[in-house]
Amino acid sequence: MQPFSAYPFIEAFERVGRAVPVLLDESGALTLVRTRTDAYVPSLSEARDMSIPDVFVFEPEGSSFRIAQTRDLSARAFSLSGPDVRAYFFLCQAELLTVDASNSLLKILEDTPVGIFFALVTQYPDRILPTIRSRCVTLSGSSLEGGGVSIDDEMIRRIDAYLAGTKSPLLLRLAQISPERPEALALLSACVGRMGVTSRIDPVFAECVARGIEDLSGTTISSRNILDRIFLA
């Protein structure tokens, strides 16, 4: 993976408290951790021992991540969650997840608790089970990538134009793609992250996007229906 650049995605999580799980490398994870503290953080291992507020780092015990560890991680996330919480969970060396441990993560990946940002950290994403990768958005390079859609610089420009009142470029692009839930969540998160950056925040649109993120995270409404409801209203 390329160097981490996903601040709009993080801004969206800080505002809304919802984020699709992400897949990123250690450099990206460290960049994110360093935004949570003024102290120098040389590595994720040391971040675990530094007691950084709202940052939780999990590493494999021995040669693999076992189901007991992932169950403990999930239990802590669900017990901590809440609308006023903004906590960051990093599962390091995710390529070492056993099959059973991977399967035990499906619930938190499919229904990430409110206020929890969940990241799988790995240098070897191809070694992670497809059922896990498909439920995450990969944060890499200058874009937010995931499955069939890439939220790259061009898409960000379309989002900025939409927020400024020029809607056709983004609407045209949305008509050309069929985003799955992770990609739709990444798109809406990017929209939230760009609000107020290039234009005045529209509270009605912001509320629609926030409701869309909640629906994508907690309902079975199709991604297309949610996006159409937001952008074609």
Protein backbone atom coordinates (compact mmCIF):
# COMPACT_ATOMS: atom_id res chain seq x y z
CA MET A 1 0.00 0.00 0.00
CA GLN A 2 1.02 3.60 -0.59
CA PRO A 3 1.45 6.34 2.03
CA PHE A 4 -1.63 7.20 4.03
CA SER A 5 -3.77 10.17 3.04
CA ALA A 6 -7.32 9.99 4.33
CA TYR A 7 -8.00 13.04 6.42
CA PRO A 8 -11.46 13.71 4.91
CA PHE A 9 -12.43 10.20 5.99
CA ILE A 10 -11.20 10.84 9.54
CA GLU A 11 -12.89 14.23 9.66
CA ALA A 12 -16.13 12.53 8.70
CA PHE A 13 -15.78 10.03 11.53
CA GLU A 14 -15.05 12.78 14.05
CA ARG A 15 -18.17 14.65 13.00
CA VAL A 16 -20.62 11.78 12.53
CA GLY A 17 -19.20 9.01 14.73
CA ARG A 18 -19.61 6.41 11.99
CA ALA A 19 -16.97 4.93 9.71
CA VAL A 20 -16.73 1.81 7.63
CA PRO A 21 -13.83 -0.42 8.79
CA VAL A 22 -10.57 0.32 7.03
CA LEU A 23 -7.51 -1.55 5.82
CA LEU A 24 -4.22 0.35 5.94
CA ASP A 25 -0.49 -0.14 6.36
CA GLU A 26 1.55 0.62 9.48
CA SER A 27 2.77 3.94 8.14
CA GLY A 28 -0.81 5.07 7.65
CA ALA A 29 -1.84 3.81 11.07
CA LEU A 30 1.05 5.68 12.71
CA THR A 31 0.11 8.87 10.89
CA LEU A 32 -3.37 8.56 12.31
CA VAL A 33 -2.20 7.72 15.83
CA ARG A 34 0.11 10.74 15.82
CA THR A 35 -2.88 13.02 15.26
CA ARG A 36 -4.25 11.84 18.63
CA THR A 37 -1.30 12.92 20.78
CA ASP A 38 1.41 15.57 21.02
CA ALA A 39 3.94 12.93 22.07
CA TYR A 40 6.24 11.30 19.52
CA VAL A 41 5.02 7.81 18.64
CA PRO A 42 7.81 5.75 17.01
CA SER A 43 5.77 2.59 16.40
CA LEU A 44 2.37 1.02 16.97
CA SER A 45 3.88 -1.32 19.55
CA GLU A 46 5.03 1.65 21.58
CA ALA A 47 1.69 3.39 21.05
CA ARG A 48 0.08 0.44 22.81
CA ASP A 49 2.22 1.11 25.88
CA MET A 50 1.79 4.90 25.88
CA SER A 51 -1.84 4.97 27.07
CA ILE A 52 -2.89 7.47 24.40
CA PRO A 53 -6.49 8.48 25.13
CA ASP A 54 -9.04 6.72 22.92
CA VAL A 55 -6.38 4.73 21.03
CA PHE A 56 -6.36 0.94 21.40
CA VAL A 57 -3.67 -1.18 19.75
CA PHE A 58 -3.98 -4.96 19.52
CA GLU A 59 -1.10 -7.22 18.47
CA PRO A 60 -0.95 -10.99 17.92
CA GLU A 61 0.08 -13.21 20.76
CA GLY A 62 2.79 -15.38 19.31
CA SER A 63 2.62 -16.32 15.64
CA SER A 64 -1.06 -15.58 15.04
CA PHE A 65 -4.19 -13.73 16.10
CA ARG A 66 -6.50 -16.21 17.79
CA ILE A 67 -10.23 -16.11 18.33
CA ALA A 68 -9.96 -15.28 22.06
CA GLN A 69 -8.14 -12.04 21.18
CA THR A 70 -10.62 -10.94 18.52
CA ARG A 71 -13.54 -11.72 20.80
CA ASP A 72 -11.95 -9.57 23.51
CA LEU A 73 -11.37 -6.75 21.01
CA SER A 74 -14.99 -6.86 19.82
CA ALA A 75 -16.36 -6.96 23.36
CA ARG A 76 -14.31 -3.90 24.33
CA ALA A 77 -15.45 -2.00 21.25
CA PHE A 78 -19.14 -2.70 21.82
CA SER A 79 -18.91 -1.91 25.54
CA LEU A 80 -17.13 1.39 24.86
CA SER A 81 -19.33 2.61 22.02
CA GLY A 82 -21.65 5.59 22.27
CA PRO A 83 -22.68 8.76 20.43
CA ASP A 84 -20.16 10.89 22.34
CA VAL A 85 -17.29 8.41 21.93
CA ARG A 86 -14.52 8.69 19.32
CA ALA A 87 -12.20 5.72 19.83
CA TYR A 88 -9.67 4.21 17.44
CA PHE A 89 -9.03 0.46 17.39
CA PHE A 90 -6.00 -0.89 15.50
CA LEU A 91 -5.56 -4.60 14.89
CA CYS A 92 -1.90 -4.96 13.88
CA GLN A 93 -0.45 -7.62 11.58
CA ALA A 94 -3.94 -8.50 10.45
CA GLU A 95 -2.53 -10.99 7.96
CA LEU A 96 -1.88 -13.26 10.99
CA LEU A 97 -5.58 -13.69 11.76
CA THR A 98 -6.60 -17.33 11.87
CA VAL A 99 -9.72 -18.35 9.96
CA ASP A 100 -11.73 -18.63 13.20
CA ALA A 101 -10.46 -15.26 14.42
CA SER A 102 -11.34 -13.68 11.08
CA ASN A 103 -14.85 -15.08 11.21
CA SER A 104 -15.33 -13.75 14.74
CA LEU A 105 -14.65 -10.23 13.43
CA LEU A 106 -17.50 -10.31 10.91
CA LYS A 107 -20.03 -8.83 13.32
CA ILE A 108 -17.91 -5.79 14.16
CA LEU A 109 -17.02 -5.32 10.49
CA GLU A 110 -20.64 -5.51 9.38
CA ASP A 111 -22.00 -3.42 12.26
CA THR A 112 -19.18 -1.29 13.63
CA PRO A 113 -20.33 0.29 16.92
CA VAL A 114 -21.13 3.99 17.04
CA GLY A 115 -18.05 6.00 17.94
CA ILE A 116 -15.56 3.28 17.01
CA PHE A 117 -13.04 3.64 14.18
CA PHE A 118 -11.83 0.12 13.40
CA ALA A 119 -8.66 -0.46 11.39
CA LEU A 120 -6.95 -3.62 10.21
CA VAL A 121 -3.24 -2.87 9.84
CA THR A 122 -1.15 -4.95 7.47
CA GLN A 123 1.68 -4.81 4.96
CA TYR A 124 0.19 -7.87 3.21
CA PRO A 125 -3.49 -7.24 2.41
CA ASP A 126 -3.59 -10.13 -0.06
CA ARG A 127 -3.03 -12.54 2.85
CA ILE A 128 -6.27 -11.45 4.53
CA LEU A 129 -9.41 -13.46 3.79
CA PRO A 130 -11.56 -12.00 0.99
CA THR A 131 -14.58 -12.04 3.31
CA ILE A 132 -12.69 -9.61 5.57
CA ARG A 133 -11.21 -7.42 2.83
CA SER A 134 -14.59 -7.01 1.14
CA ARG A 135 -16.01 -5.42 4.30
CA CYS A 136 -13.28 -2.79 4.53
CA VAL A 137 -12.27 0.30 2.63
CA THR A 138 -8.57 0.45 1.78
CA LEU A 139 -6.95 3.75 2.67
CA SER A 140 -3.97 4.24 0.39
CA GLY A 141 -2.17 6.84 -1.64
CA SER A 142 -4.11 10.04 -2.22
CA SER A 143 -7.42 8.27 -2.44
CA LEU A 144 -9.94 6.27 -0.53
CA GLU A 145 -10.25 3.03 -2.40
CA GLY A 146 -12.72 0.22 -2.06
CA GLY A 147 -14.05 -2.40 -4.40
CA GLY A 148 -15.73 -0.94 -7.48
CA VAL A 149 -15.25 2.77 -6.77
CA SER A 150 -12.26 4.94 -5.94
CA ILE A 151 -12.73 8.23 -4.13
CA ASP A 152 -9.76 9.93 -5.73
CA ASP A 153 -8.86 13.56 -6.34
CA GLU A 154 -11.27 13.79 -9.26
CA MET A 155 -14.17 12.52 -7.15
CA ILE A 156 -13.23 14.97 -4.39
CA ARG A 157 -13.43 17.79 -6.95
CA ARG A 158 -16.89 16.58 -7.97
CA ILE A 159 -17.96 16.49 -4.31
CA ASP A 160 -16.62 20.01 -3.78
CA ALA A 161 -18.51 21.23 -6.84
CA TYR A 162 -21.72 19.59 -5.62
CA LEU A 163 -21.38 21.22 -2.22
CA ALA A 164 -20.79 24.58 -3.91
CA GLY A 165 -23.99 24.21 -5.95
CA THR A 166 -22.74 22.66 -9.20
CA LYS A 167 -24.33 19.26 -8.91
CA SER A 168 -24.15 17.74 -12.39
CA PRO A 169 -20.53 16.43 -12.36
CA LEU A 170 -21.12 14.31 -9.24
CA LEU A 171 -24.60 13.20 -10.31
CA LEU A 172 -23.23 12.10 -13.68
CA ARG A 173 -20.51 10.05 -12.00
CA LEU A 174 -22.95 8.45 -9.55
CA ALA A 175 -25.14 7.40 -12.46
CA GLN A 176 -22.19 5.51 -13.93
CA ILE A 177 -21.27 3.42 -10.89
CA SER A 178 -22.93 0.81 -8.66
CA PRO A 179 -21.23 1.19 -5.27
CA GLU A 180 -21.49 -1.50 -2.63
CA ARG A 181 -21.96 -0.56 1.03
CA PRO A 182 -18.28 0.08 1.89
CA GLU A 183 -17.82 2.29 -1.18
CA ALA A 184 -21.04 4.20 -0.51
CA LEU A 185 -19.96 4.76 3.09
CA ALA A 186 -16.58 6.02 1.92
CA LEU A 187 -18.30 8.41 -0.49
CA LEU A 188 -20.62 9.83 2.18
CA SER A 189 -17.75 10.06 4.66
CA ALA A 190 -15.77 12.05 2.11
CA CYS A 191 -18.78 14.35 1.65
CA VAL A 192 -18.90 15.01 5.38
CA GLY A 193 -15.17 15.59 5.45
CA ARG A 194 -15.42 18.21 2.69
CA MET A 195 -18.34 20.12 4.23
CA GLY A 196 -17.18 23.52 5.34
CA VAL A 197 -13.86 23.16 3.52
CA THR A 198 -14.91 24.84 0.27
CA SER A 199 -18.44 26.03 1.00
CA ARG A 200 -20.89 26.91 3.75
CA ILE A 201 -22.33 23.84 5.46
CA ASP A 202 -25.92 23.09 4.46
CA PRO A 203 -27.47 21.66 7.65
CA VAL A 204 -30.26 19.89 5.75
CA PHE A 205 -27.83 18.12 3.42
CA ALA A 206 -25.50 17.35 6.34
CA GLU A 207 -28.38 15.70 8.17
CA CYS A 208 -29.30 13.66 5.08
CA VAL A 209 -25.70 12.45 4.73
CA ALA A 210 -25.48 11.59 8.42
CA ARG A 211 -28.74 9.62 8.17
CA GLY A 212 -27.40 7.88 5.07
CA ILE A 213 -24.25 6.80 6.92
CA GLU A 214 -26.39 5.43 9.74
CA ASP A 215 -28.62 3.56 7.28
CA LEU A 216 -25.66 2.08 5.44
CA SER A 217 -24.14 0.99 8.74
CA GLY A 218 -27.25 -0.40 10.40
CA THR A 219 -29.97 -1.28 7.87
CA THR A 220 -30.46 -3.43 4.79
CA ILE A 221 -31.58 -0.54 2.57
CA SER A 222 -29.66 -0.76 -0.69
CA SER A 223 -26.72 1.54 -1.28
CA ARG A 224 -28.29 2.84 -4.49
CA ASN A 225 -31.55 3.78 -2.79
CA ILE A 226 -29.69 5.61 -0.03
CA LEU A 227 -27.47 7.55 -2.43
CA ASP A 228 -30.42 8.45 -4.66
CA ARG A 229 -32.36 9.67 -1.64
CA ILE A 230 -29.50 11.96 -0.68
CA PHE A 231 -28.27 13.29 -4.00
CA LEU A 232 -31.46 13.32 -6.11
CA ALA A 233 -33.74 14.86 -3.48
